[in-house]
Amino acid sequence: LASAQSSKSIFIRLFGLGELLDAAQRLEAMPQEQRSSLPLWGVPFAVKDNVDVAGCPTTAACPAFSNTPTTTAPAVKALLDAGEGWGRILRLSKLE
């Protein structure tokens, strides 16, 4: 987490330590049988800032395009449903 926090130039949004610890605790609290059924249990990933994540601004590196979606893109939802743990939104190159 510390190295990710120091790499803010590639991330547009980093989730706070509290949010990440809450997510980790939810994953750890899962029974072993449930963990075994999740092929990506606890594996972190990042999402580019042109992909919708509910509650996180989608900017496509351009403030004029910014919106905050209420739903999460199906591809991200599929990763989360497979047990992924995540905490980053990657910065896109600026549109010009």
PDB file of N, CA and C in Angstrom:
ATOM      1  N   LEU A   1       0.825  -1.190   0.000  1.00  0.00           N
ATOM      2  CA  LEU A   1       0.000   0.000   0.000  1.00  0.00           C
ATOM      3  C   LEU A   1       0.867   1.251   0.000  1.00  0.00           C
ATOM      4  N   ALA A   2       1.926   1.232   0.790  1.00  0.00           N
ATOM      5  CA  ALA A   2       2.790   2.419   0.860  1.00  0.00           C
ATOM      6  C   ALA A   2       3.391   2.744  -0.497  1.00  0.00           C
ATOM      7  N   SER A   3       3.825   1.722  -1.248  1.00  0.00           N
ATOM      8  CA  SER A   3       4.413   2.007  -2.555  1.00  0.00           C
ATOM      9  C   SER A   3       3.362   2.527  -3.523  1.00  0.00           C
ATOM     10  N   ALA A   4       2.139   2.021  -3.426  1.00  0.00           N
ATOM     11  CA  ALA A   4       1.069   2.536  -4.287  1.00  0.00           C
ATOM     12  C   ALA A   4       0.747   3.973  -3.922  1.00  0.00           C
ATOM     13  N   GLN A   5       0.726   4.289  -2.625  1.00  0.00           N
ATOM     14  CA  GLN A   5       0.434   5.650  -2.187  1.00  0.00           C
ATOM     15  C   GLN A   5       1.483   6.621  -2.733  1.00  0.00           C
ATOM     16  N   SER A   6       2.737   6.167  -2.868  1.00  0.00           N
ATOM     17  CA  SER A   6       3.788   7.052  -3.358  1.00  0.00           C
ATOM     18  C   SER A   6       3.802   7.143  -4.878  1.00  0.00           C
ATOM     19  N   SER A   7       2.993   6.346  -5.577  1.00  0.00           N
ATOM     20  CA  SER A   7       2.956   6.331  -7.039  1.00  0.00           C
ATOM     21  C   SER A   7       1.719   7.040  -7.561  1.00  0.00           C
ATOM     22  N   LYS A   8       1.322   8.123  -6.943  1.00  0.00           N
ATOM     23  CA  LYS A   8       0.079   8.792  -7.312  1.00  0.00           C
ATOM     24  C   LYS A   8       0.064   9.299  -8.739  1.00  0.00           C
ATOM     25  N   SER A   9       1.216   9.478  -9.354  1.00  0.00           N
ATOM     26  CA  SER A   9       1.227  10.010 -10.707  1.00  0.00           C
ATOM     27  C   SER A   9       0.547   9.072 -11.698  1.00  0.00           C
ATOM     28  N   ILE A  10       0.531   7.785 -11.447  1.00  0.00           N
ATOM     29  CA  ILE A  10      -0.142   6.872 -12.366  1.00  0.00           C
ATOM     30  C   ILE A  10      -1.572   6.582 -11.935  1.00  0.00           C
ATOM     31  N   PHE A  11      -1.945   6.999 -10.721  1.00  0.00           N
ATOM     32  CA  PHE A  11      -3.284   6.741 -10.219  1.00  0.00           C
ATOM     33  C   PHE A  11      -4.054   8.038 -10.074  1.00  0.00           C
ATOM     34  N   ILE A  12      -5.297   8.020 -10.494  1.00  0.00           N
ATOM     35  CA  ILE A  12      -6.155   9.185 -10.361  1.00  0.00           C
ATOM     36  C   ILE A  12      -6.873   9.147  -9.020  1.00  0.00           C
ATOM     37  N   ARG A  13      -7.126   7.934  -8.518  1.00  0.00           N
ATOM     38  CA  ARG A  13      -7.754   7.779  -7.220  1.00  0.00           C
ATOM     39  C   ARG A  13      -7.197   6.545  -6.532  1.00  0.00           C
ATOM     40  N   LEU A  14      -6.774   6.729  -5.298  1.00  0.00           N
ATOM     41  CA  LEU A  14      -6.370   5.617  -4.444  1.00  0.00           C
ATOM     42  C   LEU A  14      -7.383   5.536  -3.322  1.00  0.00           C
ATOM     43  N   PHE A  15      -7.828   4.347  -3.019  1.00  0.00           N
ATOM     44  CA  PHE A  15      -8.738   4.190  -1.901  1.00  0.00           C
ATOM     45  C   PHE A  15      -7.951   4.343  -0.610  1.00  0.00           C
ATOM     46  N   GLY A  16      -8.583   4.886   0.391  1.00  0.00           N
ATOM     47  CA  GLY A  16      -7.931   5.113   1.669  1.00  0.00           C
ATOM     48  C   GLY A  16      -7.622   3.815   2.390  1.00  0.00           C
ATOM     49  N   LEU A  17      -6.720   3.899   3.337  1.00  0.00           N
ATOM     50  CA  LEU A  17      -6.317   2.731   4.102  1.00  0.00           C
ATOM     51  C   LEU A  17      -7.517   2.079   4.781  1.00  0.00           C
ATOM     52  N   GLY A  18      -8.412   2.884   5.334  1.00  0.00           N
ATOM     53  CA  GLY A  18      -9.600   2.343   5.995  1.00  0.00           C
ATOM     54  C   GLY A  18     -10.472   1.541   5.045  1.00  0.00           C
ATOM     55  N   GLU A  19     -10.684   2.075   3.827  1.00  0.00           N
ATOM     56  CA  GLU A  19     -11.495   1.364   2.824  1.00  0.00           C
ATOM     57  C   GLU A  19     -10.840   0.046   2.425  1.00  0.00           C
ATOM     58  N   LEU A  20      -9.528   0.075   2.252  1.00  0.00           N
ATOM     59  CA  LEU A  20      -8.812  -1.137   1.857  1.00  0.00           C
ATOM     60  C   LEU A  20      -8.823  -2.176   2.975  1.00  0.00           C
ATOM     61  N   LEU A  21      -8.662  -1.722   4.210  1.00  0.00           N
ATOM     62  CA  LEU A  21      -8.699  -2.661   5.334  1.00  0.00           C
ATOM     63  C   LEU A  21     -10.088  -3.263   5.499  1.00  0.00           C
ATOM     64  N   ASP A  22     -11.137  -2.465   5.291  1.00  0.00           N
ATOM     65  CA  ASP A  22     -12.503  -2.997   5.346  1.00  0.00           C
ATOM     66  C   ASP A  22     -12.710  -4.077   4.292  1.00  0.00           C
ATOM     67  N   ALA A  23     -12.238  -3.818   3.081  1.00  0.00           N
ATOM     68  CA  ALA A  23     -12.360  -4.809   2.007  1.00  0.00           C
ATOM     69  C   ALA A  23     -11.579  -6.073   2.341  1.00  0.00           C
ATOM     70  N   ALA A  24     -10.375  -5.905   2.877  1.00  0.00           N
ATOM     71  CA  ALA A  24      -9.555  -7.060   3.253  1.00  0.00           C
ATOM     72  C   ALA A  24     -10.233  -7.868   4.354  1.00  0.00           C
ATOM     73  N   GLN A  25     -10.839  -7.188   5.313  1.00  0.00           N
ATOM     74  CA  GLN A  25     -11.533  -7.894   6.390  1.00  0.00           C
ATOM     75  C   GLN A  25     -12.727  -8.673   5.866  1.00  0.00           C
ATOM     76  N   ARG A  26     -13.460  -8.090   4.894  1.00  0.00           N
ATOM     77  CA  ARG A  26     -14.584  -8.821   4.288  1.00  0.00           C
ATOM     78  C   ARG A  26     -14.089 -10.079   3.586  1.00  0.00           C
ATOM     79  N   LEU A  27     -12.971  -9.956   2.853  1.00  0.00           N
ATOM     80  CA  LEU A  27     -12.413 -11.123   2.163  1.00  0.00           C
ATOM     81  C   LEU A  27     -11.939 -12.173   3.166  1.00  0.00           C
ATOM     82  N   GLU A  28     -11.258 -11.734   4.212  1.00  0.00           N
ATOM     83  CA  GLU A  28     -10.742 -12.666   5.223  1.00  0.00           C
ATOM     84  C   GLU A  28     -11.865 -13.361   5.984  1.00  0.00           C
ATOM     85  N   ALA A  29     -13.008 -12.677   6.147  1.00  0.00           N
ATOM     86  CA  ALA A  29     -14.126 -13.246   6.904  1.00  0.00           C
ATOM     87  C   ALA A  29     -14.882 -14.320   6.129  1.00  0.00           C
ATOM     88  N   MET A  30     -14.621 -14.435   4.842  1.00  0.00           N
ATOM     89  CA  MET A  30     -15.322 -15.445   4.043  1.00  0.00           C
ATOM     90  C   MET A  30     -14.915 -16.844   4.480  1.00  0.00           C
ATOM     91  N   PRO A  31     -15.895 -17.750   4.561  1.00  0.00           N
ATOM     92  CA  PRO A  31     -15.556 -19.144   4.854  1.00  0.00           C
ATOM     93  C   PRO A  31     -14.652 -19.725   3.757  1.00  0.00           C
ATOM     94  N   GLN A  32     -13.829 -20.678   4.112  1.00  0.00           N
ATOM     95  CA  GLN A  32     -12.883 -21.273   3.164  1.00  0.00           C
ATOM     96  C   GLN A  32     -13.592 -21.822   1.922  1.00  0.00           C
ATOM     97  N   GLU A  33     -14.775 -22.406   2.111  1.00  0.00           N
ATOM     98  CA  GLU A  33     -15.509 -22.959   0.958  1.00  0.00           C
ATOM     99  C   GLU A  33     -15.862 -21.866  -0.051  1.00  0.00           C
ATOM    100  N   GLN A  34     -16.244 -20.700   0.473  1.00  0.00           N
ATOM    101  CA  GLN A  34     -16.583 -19.584  -0.409  1.00  0.00           C
ATOM    102  C   GLN A  34     -15.326 -19.051  -1.092  1.00  0.00           C
ATOM    103  N   ARG A  35     -14.230 -18.927  -0.344  1.00  0.00           N
ATOM    104  CA  ARG A  35     -12.966 -18.470  -0.934  1.00  0.00           C
ATOM    105  C   ARG A  35     -12.548 -19.376  -2.081  1.00  0.00           C
ATOM    106  N   SER A  36     -12.686 -20.667  -1.869  1.00  0.00           N
ATOM    107  CA  SER A  36     -12.271 -21.647  -2.885  1.00  0.00           C
ATOM    108  C   SER A  36     -13.077 -21.520  -4.163  1.00  0.00           C
ATOM    109  N   SER A  37     -14.292 -20.993  -4.049  1.00  0.00           N
ATOM    110  CA  SER A  37     -15.141 -20.860  -5.236  1.00  0.00           C
ATOM    111  C   SER A  37     -14.868 -19.577  -6.013  1.00  0.00           C
ATOM    112  N   LEU A  38     -14.011 -18.709  -5.465  1.00  0.00           N
ATOM    113  CA  LEU A  38     -13.699 -17.434  -6.111  1.00  0.00           C
ATOM    114  C   LEU A  38     -12.307 -17.515  -6.725  1.00  0.00           C
ATOM    115  N   PRO A  39     -12.211 -17.649  -8.048  1.00  0.00           N
ATOM    116  CA  PRO A  39     -10.907 -17.858  -8.683  1.00  0.00           C
ATOM    117  C   PRO A  39      -9.913 -16.704  -8.502  1.00  0.00           C
ATOM    118  N   LEU A  40     -10.415 -15.531  -8.215  1.00  0.00           N
ATOM    119  CA  LEU A  40      -9.522 -14.370  -8.070  1.00  0.00           C
ATOM    120  C   LEU A  40      -9.588 -13.800  -6.654  1.00  0.00           C
ATOM    121  N   TRP A  41      -9.863 -14.633  -5.671  1.00  0.00           N
ATOM    122  CA  TRP A  41     -10.049 -14.183  -4.290  1.00  0.00           C
ATOM    123  C   TRP A  41      -8.875 -13.339  -3.819  1.00  0.00           C
ATOM    124  N   GLY A  42      -9.154 -12.062  -3.502  1.00  0.00           N
ATOM    125  CA  GLY A  42      -8.168 -11.177  -2.910  1.00  0.00           C
ATOM    126  C   GLY A  42      -7.102 -10.623  -3.832  1.00  0.00           C
ATOM    127  N   VAL A  43      -7.147 -10.928  -5.115  1.00  0.00           N
ATOM    128  CA  VAL A  43      -6.132 -10.432  -6.047  1.00  0.00           C
ATOM    129  C   VAL A  43      -6.450  -8.966  -6.377  1.00  0.00           C
ATOM    130  N   PRO A  44      -5.512  -8.051  -6.137  1.00  0.00           N
ATOM    131  CA  PRO A  44      -5.798  -6.638  -6.419  1.00  0.00           C
ATOM    132  C   PRO A  44      -5.759  -6.332  -7.918  1.00  0.00           C
ATOM    133  N   PHE A  45      -6.481  -5.311  -8.307  1.00  0.00           N
ATOM    134  CA  PHE A  45      -6.433  -4.850  -9.694  1.00  0.00           C
ATOM    135  C   PHE A  45      -6.724  -3.360  -9.732  1.00  0.00           C
ATOM    136  N   ALA A  46      -6.481  -2.759 -10.856  1.00  0.00           N
ATOM    137  CA  ALA A  46      -6.745  -1.337 -11.056  1.00  0.00           C
ATOM    138  C   ALA A  46      -7.673  -1.178 -12.262  1.00  0.00           C
ATOM    139  N   VAL A  47      -8.383  -0.069 -12.284  1.00  0.00           N
ATOM    140  CA  VAL A  47      -9.346   0.224 -13.345  1.00  0.00           C
ATOM    141  C   VAL A  47      -8.940   1.532 -14.008  1.00  0.00           C
ATOM    142  N   LYS A  48      -8.922   1.563 -15.331  1.00  0.00           N
ATOM    143  CA  LYS A  48      -8.630   2.811 -16.052  1.00  0.00           C
ATOM    144  C   LYS A  48      -9.764   3.807 -15.818  1.00  0.00           C
ATOM    145  N   ASP A  49      -9.453   5.082 -15.858  1.00  0.00           N
ATOM    146  CA  ASP A  49     -10.449   6.094 -15.518  1.00  0.00           C
ATOM    147  C   ASP A  49     -11.425   6.421 -16.646  1.00  0.00           C
ATOM    148  N   ASN A  50     -11.526   5.526 -17.619  1.00  0.00           N
ATOM    149  CA  ASN A  50     -12.584   5.642 -18.619  1.00  0.00           C
ATOM    150  C   ASN A  50     -13.582   4.486 -18.475  1.00  0.00           C
ATOM    151  N   VAL A  51     -13.458   3.732 -17.389  1.00  0.00           N
ATOM    152  CA  VAL A  51     -14.344   2.611 -17.089  1.00  0.00           C
ATOM    153  C   VAL A  51     -15.132   2.971 -15.837  1.00  0.00           C
ATOM    154  N   ASP A  52     -16.445   2.797 -15.891  1.00  0.00           N
ATOM    155  CA  ASP A  52     -17.298   3.195 -14.775  1.00  0.00           C
ATOM    156  C   ASP A  52     -17.160   2.284 -13.559  1.00  0.00           C
ATOM    157  N   VAL A  53     -17.007   2.931 -12.400  1.00  0.00           N
ATOM    158  CA  VAL A  53     -17.048   2.280 -11.097  1.00  0.00           C
ATOM    159  C   VAL A  53     -18.001   3.124 -10.265  1.00  0.00           C
ATOM    160  N   ALA A  54     -19.079   2.520  -9.793  1.00  0.00           N
ATOM    161  CA  ALA A  54     -20.103   3.261  -9.048  1.00  0.00           C
ATOM    162  C   ALA A  54     -19.475   4.093  -7.933  1.00  0.00           C
ATOM    163  N   GLY A  55     -19.823   5.375  -7.913  1.00  0.00           N
ATOM    164  CA  GLY A  55     -19.356   6.272  -6.873  1.00  0.00           C
ATOM    165  C   GLY A  55     -17.991   6.889  -7.092  1.00  0.00           C
ATOM    166  N   CYS A  56     -17.275   6.465  -8.128  1.00  0.00           N
ATOM    167  CA  CYS A  56     -15.946   7.014  -8.437  1.00  0.00           C
ATOM    168  C   CYS A  56     -16.043   7.809  -9.735  1.00  0.00           C
ATOM    169  N   PRO A  57     -15.506   9.018  -9.767  1.00  0.00           N
ATOM    170  CA  PRO A  57     -15.582   9.804 -10.997  1.00  0.00           C
ATOM    171  C   PRO A  57     -14.921   9.096 -12.184  1.00  0.00           C
ATOM    172  N   THR A  58     -15.613   9.081 -13.301  1.00  0.00           N
ATOM    173  CA  THR A  58     -15.071   8.602 -14.565  1.00  0.00           C
ATOM    174  C   THR A  58     -14.687   9.852 -15.339  1.00  0.00           C
ATOM    175  N   THR A  59     -13.390  10.029 -15.613  1.00  0.00           N
ATOM    176  CA  THR A  59     -12.940  11.283 -16.218  1.00  0.00           C
ATOM    177  C   THR A  59     -12.349  11.136 -17.608  1.00  0.00           C
ATOM    178  N   ALA A  60     -11.848   9.952 -17.952  1.00  0.00           N
ATOM    179  CA  ALA A  60     -11.124   9.767 -19.211  1.00  0.00           C
ATOM    180  C   ALA A  60     -10.018  10.815 -19.340  1.00  0.00           C
ATOM    181  N   ALA A  61      -9.442  11.197 -18.200  1.00  0.00           N
ATOM    182  CA  ALA A  61      -8.346  12.173 -18.120  1.00  0.00           C
ATOM    183  C   ALA A  61      -8.742  13.555 -18.629  1.00  0.00           C
ATOM    184  N   CYS A  62     -10.030  13.828 -18.648  1.00  0.00           N
ATOM    185  CA  CYS A  62     -10.508  15.114 -19.143  1.00  0.00           C
ATOM    186  C   CYS A  62     -11.639  15.601 -18.235  1.00  0.00           C
ATOM    187  N   PRO A  63     -11.386  16.646 -17.452  1.00  0.00           N
ATOM    188  CA  PRO A  63     -12.417  17.130 -16.527  1.00  0.00           C
ATOM    189  C   PRO A  63     -13.759  17.435 -17.195  1.00  0.00           C
ATOM    190  N   ALA A  64     -13.746  17.840 -18.440  1.00  0.00           N
ATOM    191  CA  ALA A  64     -14.996  18.151 -19.135  1.00  0.00           C
ATOM    192  C   ALA A  64     -15.872  16.917 -19.319  1.00  0.00           C
ATOM    193  N   PHE A  65     -15.272  15.720 -19.320  1.00  0.00           N
ATOM    194  CA  PHE A  65     -16.021  14.475 -19.483  1.00  0.00           C
ATOM    195  C   PHE A  65     -16.399  13.837 -18.150  1.00  0.00           C
ATOM    196  N   SER A  66     -15.998  14.427 -17.054  1.00  0.00           N
ATOM    197  CA  SER A  66     -16.179  13.802 -15.744  1.00  0.00           C
ATOM    198  C   SER A  66     -17.647  13.589 -15.391  1.00  0.00           C
ATOM    199  N   ASN A  67     -17.943  12.395 -14.895  1.00  0.00           N
ATOM    200  CA  ASN A  67     -19.248  12.100 -14.305  1.00  0.00           C
ATOM    201  C   ASN A  67     -19.029  11.050 -13.222  1.00  0.00           C
ATOM    202  N   THR A  68     -19.972  10.934 -12.315  1.00  0.00           N
ATOM    203  CA  THR A  68     -19.881   9.934 -11.262  1.00  0.00           C
ATOM    204  C   THR A  68     -21.004   8.935 -11.480  1.00  0.00           C
ATOM    205  N   PRO A  69     -20.665   7.759 -11.981  1.00  0.00           N
ATOM    206  CA  PRO A  69     -21.685   6.769 -12.308  1.00  0.00           C
ATOM    207  C   PRO A  69     -22.331   6.161 -11.060  1.00  0.00           C
ATOM    208  N   THR A  70     -23.539   5.689 -11.226  1.00  0.00           N
ATOM    209  CA  THR A  70     -24.239   5.007 -10.135  1.00  0.00           C
ATOM    210  C   THR A  70     -24.150   3.493 -10.281  1.00  0.00           C
ATOM    211  N   THR A  71     -23.632   3.045 -11.418  1.00  0.00           N
ATOM    212  CA  THR A  71     -23.453   1.606 -11.639  1.00  0.00           C
ATOM    213  C   THR A  71     -22.005   1.326 -12.039  1.00  0.00           C
ATOM    214  N   THR A  72     -21.609   0.103 -11.847  1.00  0.00           N
ATOM    215  CA  THR A  72     -20.254  -0.334 -12.175  1.00  0.00           C
ATOM    216  C   THR A  72     -20.281  -1.091 -13.497  1.00  0.00           C
ATOM    217  N   ALA A  73     -19.270  -0.861 -14.323  1.00  0.00           N
ATOM    218  CA  ALA A  73     -19.171  -1.537 -15.619  1.00  0.00           C
ATOM    219  C   ALA A  73     -19.214  -3.059 -15.428  1.00  0.00           C
ATOM    220  N   PRO A  74     -19.860  -3.775 -16.336  1.00  0.00           N
ATOM    221  CA  PRO A  74     -19.973  -5.229 -16.206  1.00  0.00           C
ATOM    222  C   PRO A  74     -18.624  -5.949 -16.055  1.00  0.00           C
ATOM    223  N   ALA A  75     -17.604  -5.492 -16.755  1.00  0.00           N
ATOM    224  CA  ALA A  75     -16.295  -6.154 -16.654  1.00  0.00           C
ATOM    225  C   ALA A  75     -15.714  -6.012 -15.247  1.00  0.00           C
ATOM    226  N   VAL A  76     -15.858  -4.837 -14.645  1.00  0.00           N
ATOM    227  CA  VAL A  76     -15.361  -4.614 -13.285  1.00  0.00           C
ATOM    228  C   VAL A  76     -16.191  -5.427 -12.302  1.00  0.00           C
ATOM    229  N   LYS A  77     -17.518  -5.446 -12.493  1.00  0.00           N
ATOM    230  CA  LYS A  77     -18.393  -6.232 -11.623  1.00  0.00           C
ATOM    231  C   LYS A  77     -18.025  -7.707 -11.686  1.00  0.00           C
ATOM    232  N   ALA A  78     -17.702  -8.205 -12.877  1.00  0.00           N
ATOM    233  CA  ALA A  78     -17.316  -9.615 -13.017  1.00  0.00           C
ATOM    234  C   ALA A  78     -16.036  -9.910 -12.234  1.00  0.00           C
ATOM    235  N   LEU A  79     -15.067  -8.986 -12.269  1.00  0.00           N
ATOM    236  CA  LEU A  79     -13.838  -9.175 -11.496  1.00  0.00           C
ATOM    237  C   LEU A  79     -14.125  -9.164 -10.001  1.00  0.00           C
ATOM    238  N   LEU A  80     -14.940  -8.221  -9.557  1.00  0.00           N
ATOM    239  CA  LEU A  80     -15.287  -8.153  -8.139  1.00  0.00           C
ATOM    240  C   LEU A  80     -16.031  -9.407  -7.700  1.00  0.00           C
ATOM    241  N   ASP A  81     -16.949  -9.879  -8.536  1.00  0.00           N
ATOM    242  CA  ASP A  81     -17.715 -11.084  -8.215  1.00  0.00           C
ATOM    243  C   ASP A  81     -16.833 -12.331  -8.175  1.00  0.00           C
ATOM    244  N   ALA A  82     -15.703 -12.292  -8.884  1.00  0.00           N
ATOM    245  CA  ALA A  82     -14.772 -13.427  -8.894  1.00  0.00           C
ATOM    246  C   ALA A  82     -13.810 -13.368  -7.708  1.00  0.00           C
ATOM    247  N   GLY A  83     -13.977 -12.353  -6.847  1.00  0.00           N
ATOM    248  CA  GLY A  83     -13.188 -12.283  -5.634  1.00  0.00           C
ATOM    249  C   GLY A  83     -12.039 -11.308  -5.644  1.00  0.00           C
ATOM    250  N   GLU A  84     -11.965 -10.488  -6.663  1.00  0.00           N
ATOM    251  CA  GLU A  84     -10.882  -9.514  -6.733  1.00  0.00           C
ATOM    252  C   GLU A  84     -10.994  -8.516  -5.594  1.00  0.00           C
ATOM    253  N   GLY A  85      -9.840  -8.056  -5.132  1.00  0.00           N
ATOM    254  CA  GLY A  85      -9.781  -6.950  -4.188  1.00  0.00           C
ATOM    255  C   GLY A  85      -9.079  -5.804  -4.905  1.00  0.00           C
ATOM    256  N   TRP A  86      -9.562  -4.588  -4.797  1.00  0.00           N
ATOM    257  CA  TRP A  86      -8.948  -3.526  -5.582  1.00  0.00           C
ATOM    258  C   TRP A  86      -8.928  -2.215  -4.822  1.00  0.00           C
ATOM    259  N   GLY A  87      -8.238  -1.254  -5.350  1.00  0.00           N
ATOM    260  CA  GLY A  87      -8.147   0.024  -4.681  1.00  0.00           C
ATOM    261  C   GLY A  87      -7.526   1.134  -5.481  1.00  0.00           C
ATOM    262  N   ARG A  88      -7.573   1.071  -6.803  1.00  0.00           N
ATOM    263  CA  ARG A  88      -6.910   2.094  -7.608  1.00  0.00           C
ATOM    264  C   ARG A  88      -7.713   2.391  -8.870  1.00  0.00           C
ATOM    265  N   ILE A  89      -7.644   3.648  -9.297  1.00  0.00           N
ATOM    266  CA  ILE A  89      -8.160   4.051 -10.604  1.00  0.00           C
ATOM    267  C   ILE A  89      -6.953   4.604 -11.354  1.00  0.00           C
ATOM    268  N   LEU A  90      -6.620   3.992 -12.486  1.00  0.00           N
ATOM    269  CA  LEU A  90      -5.454   4.405 -13.263  1.00  0.00           C
ATOM    270  C   LEU A  90      -5.749   5.639 -14.084  1.00  0.00           C
ATOM    271  N   ARG A  91      -4.750   6.470 -14.231  1.00  0.00           N
ATOM    272  CA  ARG A  91      -4.839   7.696 -15.023  1.00  0.00           C
ATOM    273  C   ARG A  91      -4.646   7.366 -16.506  1.00  0.00           C
ATOM    274  N   LEU A  92      -5.528   7.883 -17.333  1.00  0.00           N
ATOM    275  CA  LEU A  92      -5.364   7.778 -18.785  1.00  0.00           C
ATOM    276  C   LEU A  92      -4.497   8.922 -19.280  1.00  0.00           C
ATOM    277  N   SER A  93      -3.923   8.752 -20.443  1.00  0.00           N
ATOM    278  CA  SER A  93      -3.256   9.893 -21.082  1.00  0.00           C
ATOM    279  C   SER A  93      -4.312  10.933 -21.406  1.00  0.00           C
ATOM    280  N   LYS A  94      -3.954  12.188 -21.292  1.00  0.00           N
ATOM    281  CA  LYS A  94      -4.921  13.260 -21.537  1.00  0.00           C
ATOM    282  C   LYS A  94      -5.401  13.266 -22.981  1.00  0.00           C
ATOM    283  N   LEU A  95      -6.720  13.409 -23.136  1.00  0.00           N
ATOM    284  CA  LEU A  95      -7.281  13.529 -24.482  1.00  0.00           C
ATOM    285  C   LEU A  95      -7.010  14.936 -25.014  1.00  0.00           C
ATOM    286  N   GLU A  96      -6.579  15.017 -26.232  1.00  0.00           N
ATOM    287  CA  GLU A  96      -6.322  16.341 -26.805  1.00  0.00           C
ATOM    288  C   GLU A  96      -6.887  16.411 -28.185  1.00  0.00           C
TER     289      GLU A  96
END
